[in-house]
Amino acid sequence: MCLAAPMKVIEIQGEGETALVERDGVRQTIYLGIVDAMPQIGDYVIIHAGFAIRTLSEEDALENIRLISQLDEAAIF
């Protein structure tokens, strides 16, 4: 099963082609080539297979993170 996860943009790299994102101390460089709206530093994006696919509001991102945490705690995966 694949799960797209929200992460916070902490740095835009190069000419906006990649970004450094973080969640729970985990950092990853991701590609921005297919994202629906170009994020800014501090924005949240949904990441799948190393690509940002959608920019989220902070409220929606935090709700998604909360739900994923609940699934993890319940060992549903």
C-alpha atoms as a PDB file:
ATOM      1  CA  MET A   1       0.000   0.000   0.000  1.00  0.00           C
ATOM      2  CA  CYS A   2       1.246   3.473  -0.850  1.00  0.00           C
ATOM      3  CA  LEU A   3       0.455   6.463   1.294  1.00  0.00           C
ATOM      4  CA  ALA A   4       0.956  10.081   0.308  1.00  0.00           C
ATOM      5  CA  ALA A   5       2.172  12.016   3.330  1.00  0.00           C
ATOM      6  CA  PRO A   6       2.057  15.720   4.227  1.00  0.00           C
ATOM      7  CA  MET A   7       5.392  17.399   4.956  1.00  0.00           C
ATOM      8  CA  LYS A   8       6.403  20.987   5.681  1.00  0.00           C
ATOM      9  CA  VAL A   9       8.579  22.904   3.196  1.00  0.00           C
ATOM     10  CA  ILE A  10      11.657  24.233   4.968  1.00  0.00           C
ATOM     11  CA  GLU A  11      13.747  25.252   1.952  1.00  0.00           C
ATOM     12  CA  ILE A  12      13.192  25.835  -1.771  1.00  0.00           C
ATOM     13  CA  GLN A  13      16.252  24.685  -3.671  1.00  0.00           C
ATOM     14  CA  GLY A  14      17.811  25.558  -7.013  1.00  0.00           C
ATOM     15  CA  GLU A  15      15.434  27.421  -9.255  1.00  0.00           C
ATOM     16  CA  GLY A  16      12.348  26.042  -7.564  1.00  0.00           C
ATOM     17  CA  GLU A  17      12.698  22.541  -8.993  1.00  0.00           C
ATOM     18  CA  THR A  18      13.213  20.859  -5.614  1.00  0.00           C
ATOM     19  CA  ALA A  19      12.489  21.534  -1.969  1.00  0.00           C
ATOM     20  CA  LEU A  20      13.673  20.261   1.365  1.00  0.00           C
ATOM     21  CA  VAL A  21      10.716  19.103   3.463  1.00  0.00           C
ATOM     22  CA  GLU A  22      10.441  17.844   7.045  1.00  0.00           C
ATOM     23  CA  ARG A  23       8.103  15.982   9.351  1.00  0.00           C
ATOM     24  CA  ASP A  24       8.866  14.517  12.760  1.00  0.00           C
ATOM     25  CA  GLY A  25      12.584  15.126  12.316  1.00  0.00           C
ATOM     26  CA  VAL A  26      12.738  13.341   8.960  1.00  0.00           C
ATOM     27  CA  ARG A  27      14.013  15.481   6.084  1.00  0.00           C
ATOM     28  CA  GLN A  28      13.746  14.693   2.404  1.00  0.00           C
ATOM     29  CA  THR A  29      14.486  16.466  -0.862  1.00  0.00           C
ATOM     30  CA  ILE A  30      11.454  16.312  -3.142  1.00  0.00           C
ATOM     31  CA  TYR A  31      10.629  17.395  -6.682  1.00  0.00           C
ATOM     32  CA  LEU A  32       8.174  20.222  -7.372  1.00  0.00           C
ATOM     33  CA  GLY A  33       7.592  19.611 -11.079  1.00  0.00           C
ATOM     34  CA  ILE A  34       4.005  18.359 -10.788  1.00  0.00           C
ATOM     35  CA  VAL A  35       2.694  20.177  -7.706  1.00  0.00           C
ATOM     36  CA  ASP A  36      -0.687  21.884  -8.155  1.00  0.00           C
ATOM     37  CA  ALA A  37       0.479  25.226  -6.709  1.00  0.00           C
ATOM     38  CA  MET A  38       4.070  26.269  -6.033  1.00  0.00           C
ATOM     39  CA  PRO A  39       4.624  26.160  -2.255  1.00  0.00           C
ATOM     40  CA  GLN A  40       6.473  28.714  -0.173  1.00  0.00           C
ATOM     41  CA  ILE A  41       8.679  28.046   2.840  1.00  0.00           C
ATOM     42  CA  GLY A  42       6.392  27.043   5.719  1.00  0.00           C
ATOM     43  CA  ASP A  43       3.697  25.561   3.470  1.00  0.00           C
ATOM     44  CA  TYR A  44       2.704  21.915   3.635  1.00  0.00           C
ATOM     45  CA  VAL A  45       2.681  19.624   0.617  1.00  0.00           C
ATOM     46  CA  ILE A  46       1.468  16.083   0.037  1.00  0.00           C
ATOM     47  CA  ILE A  47       4.434  13.898  -0.993  1.00  0.00           C
ATOM     48  CA  HIS A  48       4.177  10.695  -3.014  1.00  0.00           C
ATOM     49  CA  ALA A  49       7.168   8.819  -4.447  1.00  0.00           C
ATOM     50  CA  GLY A  50       9.433  11.843  -3.970  1.00  0.00           C
ATOM     51  CA  PHE A  51       7.116  14.327  -5.720  1.00  0.00           C
ATOM     52  CA  ALA A  52       5.020  17.090  -4.200  1.00  0.00           C
ATOM     53  CA  ILE A  53       1.574  16.585  -5.703  1.00  0.00           C
ATOM     54  CA  ARG A  54      -0.558  19.097  -3.802  1.00  0.00           C
ATOM     55  CA  THR A  55      -0.134  22.114  -1.546  1.00  0.00           C
ATOM     56  CA  LEU A  56      -2.237  21.947   1.629  1.00  0.00           C
ATOM     57  CA  SER A  57      -3.413  24.431   4.203  1.00  0.00           C
ATOM     58  CA  GLU A  58      -1.737  23.999   7.568  1.00  0.00           C
ATOM     59  CA  GLU A  59      -5.084  22.981   9.067  1.00  0.00           C
ATOM     60  CA  ASP A  60      -5.604  20.194   6.502  1.00  0.00           C
ATOM     61  CA  ALA A  61      -1.990  19.011   6.796  1.00  0.00           C
ATOM     62  CA  LEU A  62      -2.133  18.778  10.586  1.00  0.00           C
ATOM     63  CA  GLU A  63      -5.429  16.881  10.418  1.00  0.00           C
ATOM     64  CA  ASN A  64      -3.896  14.416   7.925  1.00  0.00           C
ATOM     65  CA  ILE A  65      -0.845  13.963  10.163  1.00  0.00           C
ATOM     66  CA  ARG A  66      -3.112  13.356  13.163  1.00  0.00           C
ATOM     67  CA  LEU A  67      -5.103  10.710  11.285  1.00  0.00           C
ATOM     68  CA  ILE A  68      -1.974   8.965  10.015  1.00  0.00           C
ATOM     69  CA  SER A  69      -0.642   8.893  13.588  1.00  0.00           C
ATOM     70  CA  GLN A  70      -3.881   7.301  14.789  1.00  0.00           C
ATOM     71  CA  LEU A  71      -3.609   4.609  12.113  1.00  0.00           C
ATOM     72  CA  ASP A  72      -0.014   3.953  13.100  1.00  0.00           C
ATOM     73  CA  GLU A  73      -0.936   3.644  16.780  1.00  0.00           C
ATOM     74  CA  ALA A  74      -3.744   1.234  15.928  1.00  0.00           C
ATOM     75  CA  ALA A  75      -1.316  -0.850  13.796  1.00  0.00           C
ATOM     76  CA  ILE A  76      -3.796  -0.927  10.917  1.00  0.00           C
ATOM     77  CA  PHE A  77      -1.027  -0.780   8.300  1.00  0.00           C
END
